[in-house]
Amino acid sequence: MPLFKKRTVGKPGEWYYCLEHKKVEEGPDCPNKDRFGPYASRPEAEQAMETARERNLQWENDPRWHDAPAGERDDG
């Protein structure tokens, strides 16, 4: 077991949304797997979950991302 925890270093002014703690943080305090970002501003990071929801909805409704049966695919 390591004696020292490796800290992820961020740049000042980078904002993240921590998925585990459900909060905005300046600089990455939590591991990559637990956060969205970086964002350019705190308000952008505060909207991270809404942005993700909107992007997921766009992806779910994009016909290019759904598998079509063989011969019916439109790569148009």
PDB file of N, CA and C in Angstrom:
ATOM      1  N   MET A   1       0.845  -1.181   0.000  1.00  0.00           N
ATOM      2  CA  MET A   1       0.000   0.000   0.000  1.00  0.00           C
ATOM      3  C   MET A   1       0.891   1.245   0.000  1.00  0.00           C
ATOM      4  N   PRO A   2       0.601   2.223  -0.864  1.00  0.00           N
ATOM      5  CA  PRO A   2       1.449   3.408  -0.927  1.00  0.00           C
ATOM      6  C   PRO A   2       1.333   4.264   0.333  1.00  0.00           C
ATOM      7  N   LEU A   3       2.445   4.891   0.657  1.00  0.00           N
ATOM      8  CA  LEU A   3       2.449   5.757   1.834  1.00  0.00           C
ATOM      9  C   LEU A   3       1.818   7.115   1.548  1.00  0.00           C
ATOM     10  N   PHE A   4       1.936   7.562   0.292  1.00  0.00           N
ATOM     11  CA  PHE A   4       1.416   8.872  -0.061  1.00  0.00           C
ATOM     12  C   PHE A   4       0.408   8.734  -1.185  1.00  0.00           C
ATOM     13  N   LYS A   5      -0.698   9.430  -1.051  1.00  0.00           N
ATOM     14  CA  LYS A   5      -1.711   9.428  -2.087  1.00  0.00           C
ATOM     15  C   LYS A   5      -1.283  10.397  -3.185  1.00  0.00           C
ATOM     16  N   LYS A   6      -1.272   9.920  -4.423  1.00  0.00           N
ATOM     17  CA  LYS A   6      -0.912  10.782  -5.548  1.00  0.00           C
ATOM     18  C   LYS A   6      -2.063  11.751  -5.801  1.00  0.00           C
ATOM     19  N   ARG A   7      -1.764  13.013  -5.767  1.00  0.00           N
ATOM     20  CA  ARG A   7      -2.786  14.040  -5.960  1.00  0.00           C
ATOM     21  C   ARG A   7      -2.818  14.467  -7.422  1.00  0.00           C
ATOM     22  N   THR A   8      -4.008  14.553  -7.963  1.00  0.00           N
ATOM     23  CA  THR A   8      -4.187  15.026  -9.326  1.00  0.00           C
ATOM     24  C   THR A   8      -4.073  16.537  -9.319  1.00  0.00           C
ATOM     25  N   VAL A   9      -3.217  17.062 -10.157  1.00  0.00           N
ATOM     26  CA  VAL A   9      -2.971  18.500 -10.180  1.00  0.00           C
ATOM     27  C   VAL A   9      -3.756  19.127 -11.325  1.00  0.00           C
ATOM     28  N   GLY A  10      -4.448  20.194 -11.022  1.00  0.00           N
ATOM     29  CA  GLY A  10      -5.205  20.912 -12.034  1.00  0.00           C
ATOM     30  C   GLY A  10      -4.669  22.317 -12.198  1.00  0.00           C
ATOM     31  N   LYS A  11      -5.230  23.009 -13.142  1.00  0.00           N
ATOM     32  CA  LYS A  11      -4.836  24.393 -13.396  1.00  0.00           C
ATOM     33  C   LYS A  11      -5.831  25.319 -12.708  1.00  0.00           C
ATOM     34  N   PRO A  12      -5.366  26.431 -12.176  1.00  0.00           N
ATOM     35  CA  PRO A  12      -6.301  27.391 -11.590  1.00  0.00           C
ATOM     36  C   PRO A  12      -7.316  27.847 -12.638  1.00  0.00           C
ATOM     37  N   GLY A  13      -8.545  27.966 -12.226  1.00  0.00           N
ATOM     38  CA  GLY A  13      -9.593  28.391 -13.150  1.00  0.00           C
ATOM     39  C   GLY A  13     -10.295  27.250 -13.848  1.00  0.00           C
ATOM     40  N   GLU A  14      -9.850  26.015 -13.635  1.00  0.00           N
ATOM     41  CA  GLU A  14     -10.551  24.856 -14.183  1.00  0.00           C
ATOM     42  C   GLU A  14     -11.578  24.397 -13.149  1.00  0.00           C
ATOM     43  N   TRP A  15     -12.783  24.174 -13.601  1.00  0.00           N
ATOM     44  CA  TRP A  15     -13.860  23.762 -12.718  1.00  0.00           C
ATOM     45  C   TRP A  15     -14.331  22.367 -13.097  1.00  0.00           C
ATOM     46  N   TYR A  16     -14.707  21.593 -12.085  1.00  0.00           N
ATOM     47  CA  TYR A  16     -15.163  20.223 -12.274  1.00  0.00           C
ATOM     48  C   TYR A  16     -16.440  19.999 -11.486  1.00  0.00           C
ATOM     49  N   TYR A  17     -17.202  18.989 -11.911  1.00  0.00           N
ATOM     50  CA  TYR A  17     -18.360  18.563 -11.142  1.00  0.00           C
ATOM     51  C   TYR A  17     -18.058  17.168 -10.638  1.00  0.00           C
ATOM     52  N   CYS A  18     -18.046  16.996  -9.318  1.00  0.00           N
ATOM     53  CA  CYS A  18     -17.756  15.700  -8.717  1.00  0.00           C
ATOM     54  C   CYS A  18     -19.037  14.891  -8.634  1.00  0.00           C
ATOM     55  N   LEU A  19     -19.035  13.718  -9.276  1.00  0.00           N
ATOM     56  CA  LEU A  19     -20.206  12.847  -9.297  1.00  0.00           C
ATOM     57  C   LEU A  19     -20.435  12.157  -7.956  1.00  0.00           C
ATOM     58  N   GLU A  20     -19.386  11.933  -7.224  1.00  0.00           N
ATOM     59  CA  GLU A  20     -19.506  11.247  -5.933  1.00  0.00           C
ATOM     60  C   GLU A  20     -20.042  12.187  -4.856  1.00  0.00           C
ATOM     61  N   HIS A  21     -19.502  13.391  -4.803  1.00  0.00           N
ATOM     62  CA  HIS A  21     -19.902  14.345  -3.757  1.00  0.00           C
ATOM     63  C   HIS A  21     -21.022  15.274  -4.203  1.00  0.00           C
ATOM     64  N   LYS A  22     -21.355  15.228  -5.508  1.00  0.00           N
ATOM     65  CA  LYS A  22     -22.414  16.058  -6.080  1.00  0.00           C
ATOM     66  C   LYS A  22     -22.178  17.541  -5.808  1.00  0.00           C
ATOM     67  N   LYS A  23     -20.947  17.965  -6.111  1.00  0.00           N
ATOM     68  CA  LYS A  23     -20.603  19.367  -5.893  1.00  0.00           C
ATOM     69  C   LYS A  23     -19.583  19.831  -6.929  1.00  0.00           C
ATOM     70  N   VAL A  24     -19.509  21.147  -7.065  1.00  0.00           N
ATOM     71  CA  VAL A  24     -18.555  21.774  -7.978  1.00  0.00           C
ATOM     72  C   VAL A  24     -17.264  22.009  -7.212  1.00  0.00           C
ATOM     73  N   GLU A  25     -16.141  21.782  -7.884  1.00  0.00           N
ATOM     74  CA  GLU A  25     -14.840  22.012  -7.248  1.00  0.00           C
ATOM     75  C   GLU A  25     -13.908  22.694  -8.235  1.00  0.00           C
ATOM     76  N   GLU A  26     -13.081  23.574  -7.716  1.00  0.00           N
ATOM     77  CA  GLU A  26     -12.080  24.221  -8.564  1.00  0.00           C
ATOM     78  C   GLU A  26     -10.824  23.373  -8.510  1.00  0.00           C
ATOM     79  N   GLY A  27     -10.361  22.985  -9.663  1.00  0.00           N
ATOM     80  CA  GLY A  27      -9.230  22.066  -9.704  1.00  0.00           C
ATOM     81  C   GLY A  27      -9.731  20.674  -9.367  1.00  0.00           C
ATOM     82  N   PRO A  28      -9.109  19.662  -9.881  1.00  0.00           N
ATOM     83  CA  PRO A  28      -9.601  18.304  -9.645  1.00  0.00           C
ATOM     84  C   PRO A  28      -9.231  17.796  -8.254  1.00  0.00           C
ATOM     85  N   ASP A  29     -10.189  17.773  -7.348  1.00  0.00           N
ATOM     86  CA  ASP A  29      -9.955  17.203  -6.019  1.00  0.00           C
ATOM     87  C   ASP A  29     -10.222  15.706  -6.002  1.00  0.00           C
ATOM     88  N   CYS A  30     -11.084  15.251  -6.881  1.00  0.00           N
ATOM     89  CA  CYS A  30     -11.474  13.837  -6.911  1.00  0.00           C
ATOM     90  C   CYS A  30     -10.895  13.157  -8.151  1.00  0.00           C
ATOM     91  N   PRO A  31     -10.831  11.831  -8.145  1.00  0.00           N
ATOM     92  CA  PRO A  31     -10.265  11.095  -9.285  1.00  0.00           C
ATOM     93  C   PRO A  31     -11.073  11.310 -10.570  1.00  0.00           C
ATOM     94  N   ASN A  32     -10.423  11.106 -11.712  1.00  0.00           N
ATOM     95  CA  ASN A  32     -11.061  11.270 -13.028  1.00  0.00           C
ATOM     96  C   ASN A  32     -12.367  10.509 -13.138  1.00  0.00           C
ATOM     97  N   LYS A  33     -12.398   9.306 -12.612  1.00  0.00           N
ATOM     98  CA  LYS A  33     -13.578   8.460 -12.753  1.00  0.00           C
ATOM     99  C   LYS A  33     -14.798   9.029 -12.044  1.00  0.00           C
ATOM    100  N   ASP A  34     -14.597   9.982 -11.149  1.00  0.00           N
ATOM    101  CA  ASP A  34     -15.690  10.540 -10.356  1.00  0.00           C
ATOM    102  C   ASP A  34     -16.049  11.969 -10.722  1.00  0.00           C
ATOM    103  N   ARG A  35     -15.632  12.441 -11.891  1.00  0.00           N
ATOM    104  CA  ARG A  35     -15.920  13.841 -12.184  1.00  0.00           C
ATOM    105  C   ARG A  35     -16.135  14.111 -13.669  1.00  0.00           C
ATOM    106  N   PHE A  36     -16.830  15.215 -13.937  1.00  0.00           N
ATOM    107  CA  PHE A  36     -16.994  15.767 -15.277  1.00  0.00           C
ATOM    108  C   PHE A  36     -16.156  17.031 -15.329  1.00  0.00           C
ATOM    109  N   GLY A  37     -15.575  17.324 -16.474  1.00  0.00           N
ATOM    110  CA  GLY A  37     -14.830  18.569 -16.622  1.00  0.00           C
ATOM    111  C   GLY A  37     -13.525  18.328 -17.331  1.00  0.00           C
ATOM    112  N   PRO A  38     -12.747  19.335 -17.508  1.00  0.00           N
ATOM    113  CA  PRO A  38     -12.857  20.662 -16.904  1.00  0.00           C
ATOM    114  C   PRO A  38     -13.832  21.568 -17.651  1.00  0.00           C
ATOM    115  N   TYR A  39     -14.387  22.515 -16.917  1.00  0.00           N
ATOM    116  CA  TYR A  39     -15.247  23.556 -17.446  1.00  0.00           C
ATOM    117  C   TYR A  39     -14.533  24.890 -17.271  1.00  0.00           C
ATOM    118  N   ALA A  40     -14.876  25.852 -18.100  1.00  0.00           N
ATOM    119  CA  ALA A  40     -14.211  27.150 -18.071  1.00  0.00           C
ATOM    120  C   ALA A  40     -14.682  28.034 -16.919  1.00  0.00           C
ATOM    121  N   SER A  41     -15.878  27.740 -16.380  1.00  0.00           N
ATOM    122  CA  SER A  41     -16.410  28.582 -15.317  1.00  0.00           C
ATOM    123  C   SER A  41     -17.203  27.753 -14.315  1.00  0.00           C
ATOM    124  N   ARG A  42     -17.396  28.316 -13.146  1.00  0.00           N
ATOM    125  CA  ARG A  42     -18.189  27.645 -12.107  1.00  0.00           C
ATOM    126  C   ARG A  42     -19.633  27.412 -12.575  1.00  0.00           C
ATOM    127  N   PRO A  43     -20.298  28.421 -13.190  1.00  0.00           N
ATOM    128  CA  PRO A  43     -21.674  28.178 -13.654  1.00  0.00           C
ATOM    129  C   PRO A  43     -21.781  27.027 -14.663  1.00  0.00           C
ATOM    130  N   GLU A  44     -20.791  26.900 -15.543  1.00  0.00           N
ATOM    131  CA  GLU A  44     -20.786  25.771 -16.486  1.00  0.00           C
ATOM    132  C   GLU A  44     -20.717  24.446 -15.734  1.00  0.00           C
ATOM    133  N   ALA A  45     -19.850  24.371 -14.743  1.00  0.00           N
ATOM    134  CA  ALA A  45     -19.709  23.145 -13.956  1.00  0.00           C
ATOM    135  C   ALA A  45     -20.979  22.852 -13.168  1.00  0.00           C
ATOM    136  N   GLU A  46     -21.661  23.895 -12.691  1.00  0.00           N
ATOM    137  CA  GLU A  46     -22.904  23.700 -11.947  1.00  0.00           C
ATOM    138  C   GLU A  46     -23.989  23.094 -12.826  1.00  0.00           C
ATOM    139  N   GLN A  47     -23.893  23.309 -14.139  1.00  0.00           N
ATOM    140  CA  GLN A  47     -24.873  22.775 -15.086  1.00  0.00           C
ATOM    141  C   GLN A  47     -24.448  21.433 -15.683  1.00  0.00           C
ATOM    142  N   ALA A  48     -23.413  20.823 -15.143  1.00  0.00           N
ATOM    143  CA  ALA A  48     -22.844  19.595 -15.727  1.00  0.00           C
ATOM    144  C   ALA A  48     -23.868  18.478 -15.882  1.00  0.00           C
ATOM    145  N   MET A  49     -24.681  18.251 -14.877  1.00  0.00           N
ATOM    146  CA  MET A  49     -25.642  17.146 -14.953  1.00  0.00           C
ATOM    147  C   MET A  49     -26.728  17.443 -15.986  1.00  0.00           C
ATOM    148  N   GLU A  50     -27.171  18.682 -16.070  1.00  0.00           N
ATOM    149  CA  GLU A  50     -28.171  19.052 -17.076  1.00  0.00           C
ATOM    150  C   GLU A  50     -27.574  18.934 -18.480  1.00  0.00           C
ATOM    151  N   THR A  51     -26.341  19.365 -18.646  1.00  0.00           N
ATOM    152  CA  THR A  51     -25.666  19.242 -19.942  1.00  0.00           C
ATOM    153  C   THR A  51     -25.558  17.769 -20.338  1.00  0.00           C
ATOM    154  N   ALA A  52     -25.189  16.920 -19.387  1.00  0.00           N
ATOM    155  CA  ALA A  52     -25.077  15.480 -19.665  1.00  0.00           C
ATOM    156  C   ALA A  52     -26.442  14.901 -20.040  1.00  0.00           C
ATOM    157  N   ARG A  53     -27.494  15.307 -19.338  1.00  0.00           N
ATOM    158  CA  ARG A  53     -28.849  14.837 -19.643  1.00  0.00           C
ATOM    159  C   ARG A  53     -29.242  15.215 -21.068  1.00  0.00           C
ATOM    160  N   GLU A  54     -28.980  16.467 -21.437  1.00  0.00           N
ATOM    161  CA  GLU A  54     -29.318  16.934 -22.786  1.00  0.00           C
ATOM    162  C   GLU A  54     -28.533  16.179 -23.853  1.00  0.00           C
ATOM    163  N   ARG A  55     -27.252  15.969 -23.617  1.00  0.00           N
ATOM    164  CA  ARG A  55     -26.427  15.240 -24.592  1.00  0.00           C
ATOM    165  C   ARG A  55     -26.860  13.788 -24.704  1.00  0.00           C
ATOM    166  N   ASN A  56     -27.221  13.162 -23.596  1.00  0.00           N
ATOM    167  CA  ASN A  56     -27.707  11.778 -23.641  1.00  0.00           C
ATOM    168  C   ASN A  56     -28.996  11.684 -24.438  1.00  0.00           C
ATOM    169  N   LEU A  57     -29.895  12.644 -24.256  1.00  0.00           N
ATOM    170  CA  LEU A  57     -31.150  12.654 -24.995  1.00  0.00           C
ATOM    171  C   LEU A  57     -30.895  12.823 -26.488  1.00  0.00           C
ATOM    172  N   GLN A  58     -29.977  13.722 -26.845  1.00  0.00           N
ATOM    173  CA  GLN A  58     -29.621  13.896 -28.260  1.00  0.00           C
ATOM    174  C   GLN A  58     -29.060  12.596 -28.829  1.00  0.00           C
ATOM    175  N   TRP A  59     -28.201  11.941 -28.072  1.00  0.00           N
ATOM    176  CA  TRP A  59     -27.594  10.701 -28.541  1.00  0.00           C
ATOM    177  C   TRP A  59     -28.645   9.609 -28.704  1.00  0.00           C
ATOM    178  N   GLU A  60     -29.548   9.507 -27.744  1.00  0.00           N
ATOM    179  CA  GLU A  60     -30.578   8.464 -27.810  1.00  0.00           C
ATOM    180  C   GLU A  60     -31.508   8.655 -29.003  1.00  0.00           C
ATOM    181  N   ASN A  61     -31.682   9.894 -29.441  1.00  0.00           N
ATOM    182  CA  ASN A  61     -32.578  10.177 -30.554  1.00  0.00           C
ATOM    183  C   ASN A  61     -31.866  10.349 -31.885  1.00  0.00           C
ATOM    184  N   ASP A  62     -30.582  10.110 -31.920  1.00  0.00           N
ATOM    185  CA  ASP A  62     -29.804  10.244 -33.148  1.00  0.00           C
ATOM    186  C   ASP A  62     -29.813   8.907 -33.883  1.00  0.00           C
ATOM    187  N   PRO A  63     -30.441   8.834 -35.057  1.00  0.00           N
ATOM    188  CA  PRO A  63     -30.535   7.556 -35.772  1.00  0.00           C
ATOM    189  C   PRO A  63     -29.178   6.992 -36.193  1.00  0.00           C
ATOM    190  N   ARG A  64     -28.156   7.831 -36.253  1.00  0.00           N
ATOM    191  CA  ARG A  64     -26.834   7.321 -36.640  1.00  0.00           C
ATOM    192  C   ARG A  64     -26.233   6.413 -35.575  1.00  0.00           C
ATOM    193  N   TRP A  65     -26.741   6.471 -34.343  1.00  0.00           N
ATOM    194  CA  TRP A  65     -26.156   5.689 -33.254  1.00  0.00           C
ATOM    195  C   TRP A  65     -26.921   4.411 -32.957  1.00  0.00           C
ATOM    196  N   HIS A  66     -27.983   4.167 -33.687  1.00  0.00           N
ATOM    197  CA  HIS A  66     -28.769   2.962 -33.448  1.00  0.00           C
ATOM    198  C   HIS A  66     -28.465   1.923 -34.511  1.00  0.00           C
ATOM    199  N   ASP A  67     -28.331   0.681 -34.089  1.00  0.00           N
ATOM    200  CA  ASP A  67     -28.059  -0.399 -35.029  1.00  0.00           C
ATOM    201  C   ASP A  67     -29.324  -0.719 -35.812  1.00  0.00           C
ATOM    202  N   ALA A  68     -29.193  -0.727 -37.119  1.00  0.00           N
ATOM    203  CA  ALA A  68     -30.300  -1.107 -37.982  1.00  0.00           C
ATOM    204  C   ALA A  68     -30.068  -2.539 -38.450  1.00  0.00           C
ATOM    205  N   PRO A  69     -31.137  -3.257 -38.704  1.00  0.00           N
ATOM    206  CA  PRO A  69     -30.973  -4.613 -39.232  1.00  0.00           C
ATOM    207  C   PRO A  69     -30.177  -4.591 -40.539  1.00  0.00           C
ATOM    208  N   ALA A  70     -29.492  -5.686 -40.830  1.00  0.00           N
ATOM    209  CA  ALA A  70     -28.646  -5.777 -42.027  1.00  0.00           C
ATOM    210  C   ALA A  70     -29.434  -5.386 -43.261  1.00  0.00           C
ATOM    211  N   GLY A  71     -28.858  -4.565 -44.113  1.00  0.00           N
ATOM    212  CA  GLY A  71     -29.497  -4.147 -45.351  1.00  0.00           C
ATOM    213  C   GLY A  71     -30.404  -2.943 -45.203  1.00  0.00           C
ATOM    214  N   GLU A  72     -30.695  -2.522 -43.981  1.00  0.00           N
ATOM    215  CA  GLU A  72     -31.593  -1.389 -43.775  1.00  0.00           C
ATOM    216  C   GLU A  72     -30.869  -0.160 -43.268  1.00  0.00           C
ATOM    217  N   ARG A  73     -29.571  -0.233 -43.219  1.00  0.00           N
ATOM    218  CA  ARG A  73     -28.797   0.875 -42.673  1.00  0.00           C
ATOM    219  C   ARG A  73     -28.699   2.013 -43.677  1.00  0.00           C
ATOM    220  N   ASP A  74     -28.889   3.222 -43.195  1.00  0.00           N
ATOM    221  CA  ASP A  74     -28.797   4.413 -44.048  1.00  0.00           C
ATOM    222  C   ASP A  74     -27.602   5.227 -43.564  1.00  0.00           C
ATOM    223  N   ASP A  75     -26.482   5.128 -44.269  1.00  0.00           N
ATOM    224  CA  ASP A  75     -25.271   5.857 -43.869  1.00  0.00           C
ATOM    225  C   ASP A  75     -25.264   7.264 -44.440  1.00  0.00           C
ATOM    226  N   GLY A  76     -26.321   7.638 -45.154  1.00  0.00           N
ATOM    227  CA  GLY A  76     -26.510   8.889 -45.829  1.00  0.00           C
ATOM    228  C   GLY A  76     -25.655   9.957 -45.451  1.00  0.00           C
TER     229      GLY A  76
END
